[in-house]
PDB file of N, CA and C in Angstrom:
ATOM      1  N   UNK A   1     144.572  69.306  71.866  1.00  0.00           N
ATOM      2  CA  UNK A   1     143.693  68.179  71.954  1.00  0.00           C
ATOM      3  C   UNK A   1     143.556  67.553  70.581  1.00  0.00           C
ATOM      4  N   UNK A   2     143.496  66.235  70.568  1.00  0.00           N
ATOM      5  CA  UNK A   2     143.431  65.525  69.301  1.00  0.00           C
ATOM      6  C   UNK A   2     142.001  65.383  68.790  1.00  0.00           C
ATOM      7  N   UNK A   3     141.883  64.766  67.663  1.00  0.00           N
ATOM      8  CA  UNK A   3     140.579  64.524  67.060  1.00  0.00           C
ATOM      9  C   UNK A   3     140.015  63.236  67.655  1.00  0.00           C
ATOM     10  N   UNK A   4     138.799  63.329  68.156  1.00  0.00           N
ATOM     11  CA  UNK A   4     138.166  62.178  68.782  1.00  0.00           C
ATOM     12  C   UNK A   4     137.193  61.537  67.799  1.00  0.00           C
ATOM     13  N   UNK A   5     137.747  60.873  66.820  1.00  0.00           N
ATOM     14  CA  UNK A   5     136.944  60.306  65.743  1.00  0.00           C
ATOM     15  C   UNK A   5     136.232  59.026  66.152  1.00  0.00           C
ATOM     16  N   UNK A   6     136.643  58.407  67.235  1.00  0.00           N
ATOM     17  CA  UNK A   6     136.029  57.136  67.597  1.00  0.00           C
ATOM     18  C   UNK A   6     135.047  57.268  68.770  1.00  0.00           C
ATOM     19  N   UNK A   7     134.780  58.456  69.228  1.00  0.00           N
ATOM     20  CA  UNK A   7     133.868  58.654  70.350  1.00  0.00           C
ATOM     21  C   UNK A   7     132.465  58.144  70.016  1.00  0.00           C
ATOM     22  N   UNK A   8     131.961  58.516  68.868  1.00  0.00           N
ATOM     23  CA  UNK A   8     130.617  58.122  68.470  1.00  0.00           C
ATOM     24  C   UNK A   8     130.534  56.622  68.196  1.00  0.00           C
ATOM     25  N   UNK A   9     131.604  56.057  67.672  1.00  0.00           N
ATOM     26  CA  UNK A   9     131.583  54.640  67.335  1.00  0.00           C
ATOM     27  C   UNK A   9     131.588  53.754  68.584  1.00  0.00           C
ATOM     28  N   UNK A  10     132.021  54.286  69.703  1.00  0.00           N
ATOM     29  CA  UNK A  10     132.063  53.511  70.941  1.00  0.00           C
ATOM     30  C   UNK A  10     130.875  53.797  71.860  1.00  0.00           C
ATOM     31  N   UNK A  11     129.895  54.546  71.393  1.00  0.00           N
ATOM     32  CA  UNK A  11     128.740  54.897  72.215  1.00  0.00           C
ATOM     33  C   UNK A  11     127.979  53.655  72.667  1.00  0.00           C
ATOM     34  N   UNK A  12     127.801  52.699  71.785  1.00  0.00           N
ATOM     35  CA  UNK A  12     127.102  51.463  72.142  1.00  0.00           C
ATOM     36  C   UNK A  12     127.833  50.682  73.213  1.00  0.00           C
ATOM     37  N   UNK A  13     129.157  50.636  73.122  1.00  0.00           N
ATOM     38  CA  UNK A  13     129.957  49.943  74.137  1.00  0.00           C
ATOM     39  C   UNK A  13     129.804  50.604  75.497  1.00  0.00           C
ATOM     40  N   UNK A  14     129.851  51.936  75.516  1.00  0.00           N
ATOM     41  CA  UNK A  14     129.691  52.665  76.775  1.00  0.00           C
ATOM     42  C   UNK A  14     128.302  52.432  77.368  1.00  0.00           C
ATOM     43  N   UNK A  15     127.300  52.409  76.521  1.00  0.00           N
ATOM     44  CA  UNK A  15     125.927  52.190  76.979  1.00  0.00           C
ATOM     45  C   UNK A  15     125.778  50.797  77.584  1.00  0.00           C
ATOM     46  N   UNK A  16     126.367  49.790  76.927  1.00  0.00           N
ATOM     47  CA  UNK A  16     126.304  48.428  77.451  1.00  0.00           C
ATOM     48  C   UNK A  16     127.054  48.309  78.773  1.00  0.00           C
ATOM     49  N   UNK A  17     128.206  48.961  78.878  1.00  0.00           N
ATOM     50  CA  UNK A  17     128.976  48.943  80.128  1.00  0.00           C
ATOM     51  C   UNK A  17     128.161  49.558  81.266  1.00  0.00           C
ATOM     52  N   UNK A  18     127.519  50.679  80.971  1.00  0.00           N
ATOM     53  CA  UNK A  18     126.718  51.366  81.973  1.00  0.00           C
ATOM     54  C   UNK A  18     125.538  50.494  82.406  1.00  0.00           C
ATOM     55  N   UNK A  19     124.874  49.851  81.458  1.00  0.00           N
ATOM     56  CA  UNK A  19     123.747  48.970  81.781  1.00  0.00           C
ATOM     57  C   UNK A  19     124.204  47.786  82.625  1.00  0.00           C
ATOM     58  N   UNK A  20     125.361  47.220  82.291  1.00  0.00           N
ATOM     59  CA  UNK A  20     125.902  46.103  83.055  1.00  0.00           C
ATOM     60  C   UNK A  20     126.219  46.522  84.485  1.00  0.00           C
ATOM     61  N   UNK A  21     126.823  47.682  84.636  1.00  0.00           N
ATOM     62  CA  UNK A  21     127.165  48.198  85.954  1.00  0.00           C
ATOM     63  C   UNK A  21     125.904  48.410  86.791  1.00  0.00           C
ATOM     64  N   UNK A  22     124.877  48.961  86.180  1.00  0.00           N
ATOM     65  CA  UNK A  22     123.614  49.189  86.870  1.00  0.00           C
ATOM     66  C   UNK A  22     122.972  47.865  87.285  1.00  0.00           C
ATOM     67  N   UNK A  23     123.020  46.874  86.404  1.00  0.00           N
ATOM     68  CA  UNK A  23     122.464  45.567  86.703  1.00  0.00           C
ATOM     69  C   UNK A  23     123.221  44.903  87.855  1.00  0.00           C
ATOM     70  N   UNK A  24     124.530  45.025  87.872  1.00  0.00           N
ATOM     71  CA  UNK A  24     125.340  44.440  88.935  1.00  0.00           C
ATOM     72  C   UNK A  24     125.008  45.074  90.281  1.00  0.00           C
ATOM     73  N   UNK A  25     124.837  46.397  90.291  1.00  0.00           N
ATOM     74  CA  UNK A  25     124.486  47.077  91.531  1.00  0.00           C
ATOM     75  C   UNK A  25     123.117  46.631  92.027  1.00  0.00           C
ATOM     76  N   UNK A  26     122.168  46.471  91.117  1.00  0.00           N
ATOM     77  CA  UNK A  26     120.826  46.034  91.495  1.00  0.00           C
ATOM     78  C   UNK A  26     120.870  44.617  92.072  1.00  0.00           C
ATOM     79  N   UNK A  27     121.653  43.742  91.467  1.00  0.00           N
ATOM     80  CA  UNK A  27     121.791  42.377  91.966  1.00  0.00           C
ATOM     81  C   UNK A  27     122.426  42.370  93.354  1.00  0.00           C
ATOM     82  N   UNK A  28     123.428  43.228  93.575  1.00  0.00           N
ATOM     83  CA  UNK A  28     124.077  43.295  94.878  1.00  0.00           C
ATOM     84  C   UNK A  28     123.084  43.775  95.947  1.00  0.00           C
ATOM     85  N   UNK A  29     122.280  44.778  95.604  1.00  0.00           N
ATOM     86  CA  UNK A  29     121.271  45.265  96.554  1.00  0.00           C
ATOM     87  C   UNK A  29     120.259  44.167  96.867  1.00  0.00           C
ATOM     88  N   UNK A  30     119.834  43.438  95.852  1.00  0.00           N
ATOM     89  CA  UNK A  30     118.862  42.362  96.035  1.00  0.00           C
ATOM     90  C   UNK A  30     119.443  41.268  96.930  1.00  0.00           C
ATOM     91  N   UNK A  31     120.682  40.909  96.688  1.00  0.00           N
ATOM     92  CA  UNK A  31     121.352  39.878  97.481  1.00  0.00           C
ATOM     93  C   UNK A  31     121.453  40.313  98.939  1.00  0.00           C
ATOM     94  N   UNK A  32     121.840  41.548  99.158  1.00  0.00           N
ATOM     95  CA  UNK A  32     121.979  42.067 100.516  1.00  0.00           C
ATOM     96  C   UNK A  32     120.625  42.065 101.225  1.00  0.00           C
ATOM     97  N   UNK A  33     119.578  42.483 100.511  1.00  0.00           N
ATOM     98  CA  UNK A  33     118.235  42.514 101.082  1.00  0.00           C
ATOM     99  C   UNK A  33     117.782  41.112 101.470  1.00  0.00           C
ATOM    100  N   UNK A  34     118.045  40.124 100.615  1.00  0.00           N
ATOM    101  CA  UNK A  34     117.659  38.744 100.904  1.00  0.00           C
ATOM    102  C   UNK A  34     118.418  38.195 102.109  1.00  0.00           C
ATOM    103  N   UNK A  35     119.701  38.523 102.232  1.00  0.00           N
ATOM    104  CA  UNK A  35     120.491  38.066 103.372  1.00  0.00           C
ATOM    105  C   UNK A  35     119.967  38.669 104.671  1.00  0.00           C
ATOM    106  N   UNK A  36     119.643  39.959 104.630  1.00  0.00           N
ATOM    107  CA  UNK A  36     119.117  40.615 105.821  1.00  0.00           C
ATOM    108  C   UNK A  36     117.772  40.007 106.218  1.00  0.00           C
ATOM    109  N   UNK A  37     116.928  39.701 105.253  1.00  0.00           N
ATOM    110  CA  UNK A  37     115.627  39.094 105.540  1.00  0.00           C
ATOM    111  C   UNK A  37     115.820  37.702 106.124  1.00  0.00           C
ATOM    112  N   UNK A  38     116.765  36.940 105.605  1.00  0.00           N
ATOM    113  CA  UNK A  38     117.024  35.594 106.117  1.00  0.00           C
ATOM    114  C   UNK A  38     117.512  35.661 107.562  1.00  0.00           C
ATOM    115  N   UNK A  39     118.402  36.612 107.871  1.00  0.00           N
ATOM    116  CA  UNK A  39     118.881  36.789 109.244  1.00  0.00           C
ATOM    117  C   UNK A  39     117.730  37.148 110.170  1.00  0.00           C
ATOM    118  N   UNK A  40     116.880  38.043 109.712  1.00  0.00           N
ATOM    119  CA  UNK A  40     115.741  38.484 110.517  1.00  0.00           C
ATOM    120  C   UNK A  40     114.811  37.311 110.785  1.00  0.00           C
ATOM    121  N   UNK A  41     114.537  36.507 109.764  1.00  0.00           N
ATOM    122  CA  UNK A  41     113.668  35.344 109.930  1.00  0.00           C
ATOM    123  C   UNK A  41     114.281  34.322 110.884  1.00  0.00           C
ATOM    124  N   UNK A  42     115.585  34.096 110.763  1.00  0.00           N
ATOM    125  CA  UNK A  42     116.260  33.142 111.638  1.00  0.00           C
ATOM    126  C   UNK A  42     116.212  33.613 113.091  1.00  0.00           C
ATOM    127  N   UNK A  43     116.410  34.884 113.312  1.00  0.00           N
ATOM    128  CA  UNK A  43     116.359  35.439 114.667  1.00  0.00           C
ATOM    129  C   UNK A  43     114.945  35.309 115.236  1.00  0.00           C
ATOM    130  N   UNK A  44     113.945  35.588 114.420  1.00  0.00           N
ATOM    131  CA  UNK A  44     112.560  35.462 114.864  1.00  0.00           C
ATOM    132  C   UNK A  44     112.228  34.016 115.222  1.00  0.00           C
ATOM    133  N   UNK A  45     112.683  33.081 114.392  1.00  0.00           N
ATOM    134  CA  UNK A  45     112.440  31.664 114.678  1.00  0.00           C
ATOM    135  C   UNK A  45     113.151  31.232 115.959  1.00  0.00           C
ATOM    136  N   UNK A  46     114.349  31.732 116.180  1.00  0.00           N
ATOM    137  CA  UNK A  46     115.095  31.390 117.389  1.00  0.00           C
ATOM    138  C   UNK A  46     114.348  31.882 118.627  1.00  0.00           C
ATOM    139  N   UNK A  47     113.830  33.125 118.558  1.00  0.00           N
ATOM    140  CA  UNK A  47     113.080  33.672 119.689  1.00  0.00           C
ATOM    141  C   UNK A  47     111.805  32.882 119.944  1.00  0.00           C
ATOM    142  N   UNK A  48     111.089  32.536 118.864  1.00  0.00           N
ATOM    143  CA  UNK A  48     109.880  31.739 119.028  1.00  0.00           C
ATOM    144  C   UNK A  48     110.188  30.374 119.613  1.00  0.00           C
ATOM    145  N   UNK A  49     111.284  29.793 119.180  1.00  0.00           N
ATOM    146  CA  UNK A  49     111.693  28.485 119.693  1.00  0.00           C
ATOM    147  C   UNK A  49     111.988  28.579 121.189  1.00  0.00           C
ATOM    148  N   UNK A  50     112.666  29.638 121.607  1.00  0.00           N
ATOM    149  CA  UNK A  50     112.958  29.822 123.029  1.00  0.00           C
ATOM    150  C   UNK A  50     111.672  29.964 123.835  1.00  0.00           C
ATOM    151  N   UNK A  51     110.729  30.721 123.304  1.00  0.00           N
ATOM    152  CA  UNK A  51     109.491  30.974 124.041  1.00  0.00           C
ATOM    153  C   UNK A  51     108.589  29.752 124.120  1.00  0.00           C
ATOM    154  N   UNK A  52     108.593  28.928 123.102  1.00  0.00           N
ATOM    155  CA  UNK A  52     107.651  27.811 123.048  1.00  0.00           C
ATOM    156  C   UNK A  52     108.251  26.460 123.417  1.00  0.00           C
ATOM    157  N   UNK A  53     109.520  26.408 123.737  1.00  0.00           N
ATOM    158  CA  UNK A  53     110.153  25.131 124.073  1.00  0.00           C
ATOM    159  C   UNK A  53     109.663  24.677 125.448  1.00  0.00           C
ATOM    160  N   UNK A  54     109.016  23.523 125.551  1.00  0.00           N
ATOM    161  CA  UNK A  54     108.456  23.098 126.840  1.00  0.00           C
ATOM    162  C   UNK A  54     109.509  22.605 127.836  1.00  0.00           C
ATOM    163  N   UNK A  55     110.636  22.104 127.378  1.00  0.00           N
ATOM    164  CA  UNK A  55     111.625  21.544 128.292  1.00  0.00           C
ATOM    165  C   UNK A  55     112.622  22.586 128.796  1.00  0.00           C
ATOM    166  N   UNK A  56     112.519  23.818 128.386  1.00  0.00           N
ATOM    167  CA  UNK A  56     113.464  24.832 128.837  1.00  0.00           C
ATOM    168  C   UNK A  56     113.016  25.386 130.188  1.00  0.00           C
ATOM    169  N   UNK A  57     113.960  25.678 131.072  1.00  0.00           N
ATOM    170  CA  UNK A  57     113.593  26.244 132.375  1.00  0.00           C
ATOM    171  C   UNK A  57     113.107  27.688 132.190  1.00  0.00           C
ATOM    172  N   UNK A  58     112.455  28.190 133.210  1.00  0.00           N
ATOM    173  CA  UNK A  58     111.986  29.575 133.163  1.00  0.00           C
ATOM    174  C   UNK A  58     113.214  30.475 133.156  1.00  0.00           C
ATOM    175  N   UNK A  59     113.150  31.493 132.361  1.00  0.00           N
ATOM    176  CA  UNK A  59     114.271  32.398 132.176  1.00  0.00           C
ATOM    177  C   UNK A  59     114.668  33.056 133.499  1.00  0.00           C
ATOM    178  N   UNK A  60     115.971  33.214 133.728  1.00  0.00           N
ATOM    179  CA  UNK A  60     116.484  33.860 134.939  1.00  0.00           C
ATOM    180  C   UNK A  60     116.427  35.383 134.811  1.00  0.00           C
ATOM    181  N   UNK A  61     116.122  35.883 133.647  1.00  0.00           N
ATOM    182  CA  UNK A  61     116.109  37.336 133.427  1.00  0.00           C
ATOM    183  C   UNK A  61     114.936  37.999 134.149  1.00  0.00           C
ATOM    184  N   UNK A  62     113.857  37.266 134.409  1.00  0.00           N
ATOM    185  CA  UNK A  62     112.685  37.865 135.039  1.00  0.00           C
ATOM    186  C   UNK A  62     112.768  37.893 136.523  1.00  0.00           C
TER     187      UNK A  62
END
C-alpha cells in the first residue's frame, strides 16, 4: 500500500460532496412529497366536484 499523503488535504472536498448529496436527497424527498400532496388534493377536488355538481345525473352505482 502506498502513502496516502493527500487524504487529509481532501477532507473538505469529501465533506462538501457529502453535504451536497444529503441536500439533493432532501430536495428529492420534498419534491416527491409535494407531488403526492398535489395529487391527493386534485383527487379530493374531483370527488367534491362530482358530489356537488347539480347538472350531473344520479350515480348508477347506488
